[in-house]
Amino acid sequence: MPSSEDPHLAKLREFRDRACACKDKRCVDAVQQELIAYASADKSTTKPSKADEQAADQILTELEKCVEAAGGKL
């Protein structure tokens, strides 16, 4: 990963990887609750670049597939 990467993207990738490692709904529900808490606590006012927005959309799409595969809903 480039060192100039938005730290929010790195955190989203962490949540995605954890969700994709889940094998059941309880696990993905726990990851989702942590993601919601993280997003709620984020008070950043910096607007992400278009590239970062696109990267975040891709990561969230992958996370959603993993959540659904483990029986959860995003």
C-alpha atoms as a PDB file:
ATOM      1  CA  MET A   1       0.000   0.000   0.000  1.00  0.00           C
ATOM      2  CA  PRO A   2       1.265   3.467  -0.746  1.00  0.00           C
ATOM      3  CA  SER A   3       2.182   5.485   2.312  1.00  0.00           C
ATOM      4  CA  SER A   4       0.088   8.407   1.049  1.00  0.00           C
ATOM      5  CA  GLU A   5      -3.084   6.328   1.118  1.00  0.00           C
ATOM      6  CA  ASP A   6      -6.011   7.798   2.979  1.00  0.00           C
ATOM      7  CA  PRO A   7      -6.085   6.165   6.433  1.00  0.00           C
ATOM      8  CA  HIS A   8      -9.843   5.677   6.063  1.00  0.00           C
ATOM      9  CA  LEU A   9      -9.242   3.411   3.061  1.00  0.00           C
ATOM     10  CA  ALA A  10      -6.810   1.328   5.083  1.00  0.00           C
ATOM     11  CA  LYS A  11      -9.422   1.035   7.848  1.00  0.00           C
ATOM     12  CA  LEU A  12     -12.130   0.051   5.338  1.00  0.00           C
ATOM     13  CA  ARG A  13      -9.828  -2.636   3.955  1.00  0.00           C
ATOM     14  CA  GLU A  14      -9.321  -3.912   7.496  1.00  0.00           C
ATOM     15  CA  PHE A  15     -13.092  -4.170   8.026  1.00  0.00           C
ATOM     16  CA  ARG A  16     -13.494  -5.858   4.621  1.00  0.00           C
ATOM     17  CA  ASP A  17     -10.777  -8.394   5.375  1.00  0.00           C
ATOM     18  CA  ARG A  18     -12.287  -9.175   8.760  1.00  0.00           C
ATOM     19  CA  ALA A  19     -15.781  -9.565   7.269  1.00  0.00           C
ATOM     20  CA  CYS A  20     -14.428 -11.817   4.515  1.00  0.00           C
ATOM     21  CA  ALA A  21     -12.793 -14.033   7.148  1.00  0.00           C
ATOM     22  CA  CYS A  22     -16.168 -14.543   8.863  1.00  0.00           C
ATOM     23  CA  LYS A  23     -17.975 -17.834   8.455  1.00  0.00           C
ATOM     24  CA  ASP A  24     -21.261 -16.928  10.153  1.00  0.00           C
ATOM     25  CA  LYS A  25     -23.766 -14.123  10.659  1.00  0.00           C
ATOM     26  CA  ARG A  26     -22.721 -13.432  14.254  1.00  0.00           C
ATOM     27  CA  CYS A  27     -19.172 -12.696  13.123  1.00  0.00           C
ATOM     28  CA  VAL A  28     -20.172 -10.343  10.291  1.00  0.00           C
ATOM     29  CA  ASP A  29     -22.694  -8.621  12.560  1.00  0.00           C
ATOM     30  CA  ALA A  30     -19.876  -7.853  15.016  1.00  0.00           C
ATOM     31  CA  VAL A  31     -17.687  -6.449  12.233  1.00  0.00           C
ATOM     32  CA  GLN A  32     -20.583  -4.344  10.956  1.00  0.00           C
ATOM     33  CA  GLN A  33     -21.227  -2.905  14.425  1.00  0.00           C
ATOM     34  CA  GLU A  34     -17.575  -1.897  14.674  1.00  0.00           C
ATOM     35  CA  LEU A  35     -17.733  -0.347  11.197  1.00  0.00           C
ATOM     36  CA  ILE A  36     -20.837   1.642  12.153  1.00  0.00           C
ATOM     37  CA  ALA A  37     -19.160   2.844  15.363  1.00  0.00           C
ATOM     38  CA  TYR A  38     -16.043   3.836  13.410  1.00  0.00           C
ATOM     39  CA  ALA A  39     -18.065   5.748  10.817  1.00  0.00           C
ATOM     40  CA  SER A  40     -20.149   7.463  13.497  1.00  0.00           C
ATOM     41  CA  ALA A  41     -17.068   8.560  15.421  1.00  0.00           C
ATOM     42  CA  ASP A  42     -15.344   9.939  12.304  1.00  0.00           C
ATOM     43  CA  LYS A  43     -15.518  13.723  12.446  1.00  0.00           C
ATOM     44  CA  SER A  44     -13.247  14.286   9.442  1.00  0.00           C
ATOM     45  CA  THR A  45     -14.198  17.258   7.306  1.00  0.00           C
ATOM     46  CA  THR A  46     -11.686  16.537   4.567  1.00  0.00           C
ATOM     47  CA  LYS A  47     -13.345  15.684   1.281  1.00  0.00           C
ATOM     48  CA  PRO A  48     -11.853  12.515  -0.227  1.00  0.00           C
ATOM     49  CA  SER A  49     -10.423  12.602  -3.716  1.00  0.00           C
ATOM     50  CA  LYS A  50     -12.389  11.065  -6.577  1.00  0.00           C
ATOM     51  CA  ALA A  51      -9.909   8.172  -6.651  1.00  0.00           C
ATOM     52  CA  ASP A  52     -10.364   7.577  -2.910  1.00  0.00           C
ATOM     53  CA  GLU A  53     -14.146   7.655  -3.304  1.00  0.00           C
ATOM     54  CA  GLN A  54     -13.934   5.057  -6.071  1.00  0.00           C
ATOM     55  CA  ALA A  55     -11.584   2.889  -4.020  1.00  0.00           C
ATOM     56  CA  ALA A  56     -13.923   3.113  -1.019  1.00  0.00           C
ATOM     57  CA  ASP A  57     -16.907   2.120  -3.181  1.00  0.00           C
ATOM     58  CA  GLN A  58     -14.998  -0.933  -4.443  1.00  0.00           C
ATOM     59  CA  ILE A  59     -13.952  -1.962  -0.924  1.00  0.00           C
ATOM     60  CA  LEU A  60     -17.524  -1.586   0.360  1.00  0.00           C
ATOM     61  CA  THR A  61     -18.861  -3.659  -2.553  1.00  0.00           C
ATOM     62  CA  GLU A  62     -16.411  -6.432  -1.675  1.00  0.00           C
ATOM     63  CA  LEU A  63     -17.300  -6.142   2.023  1.00  0.00           C
ATOM     64  CA  GLU A  64     -21.015  -6.415   1.200  1.00  0.00           C
ATOM     65  CA  LYS A  65     -20.437  -9.637  -0.778  1.00  0.00           C
ATOM     66  CA  CYS A  66     -18.574 -11.153   2.157  1.00  0.00           C
ATOM     67  CA  VAL A  67     -21.281 -10.086   4.621  1.00  0.00           C
ATOM     68  CA  GLU A  68     -23.974 -11.649   2.438  1.00  0.00           C
ATOM     69  CA  ALA A  69     -21.932 -14.832   1.960  1.00  0.00           C
ATOM     70  CA  ALA A  70     -21.787 -15.225   5.754  1.00  0.00           C
ATOM     71  CA  GLY A  71     -25.558 -14.747   6.064  1.00  0.00           C
ATOM     72  CA  GLY A  72     -25.643 -11.095   7.058  1.00  0.00           C
ATOM     73  CA  LYS A  73     -27.079  -7.982   5.431  1.00  0.00           C
ATOM     74  CA  LEU A  74     -25.393  -4.655   4.895  1.00  0.00           C
END
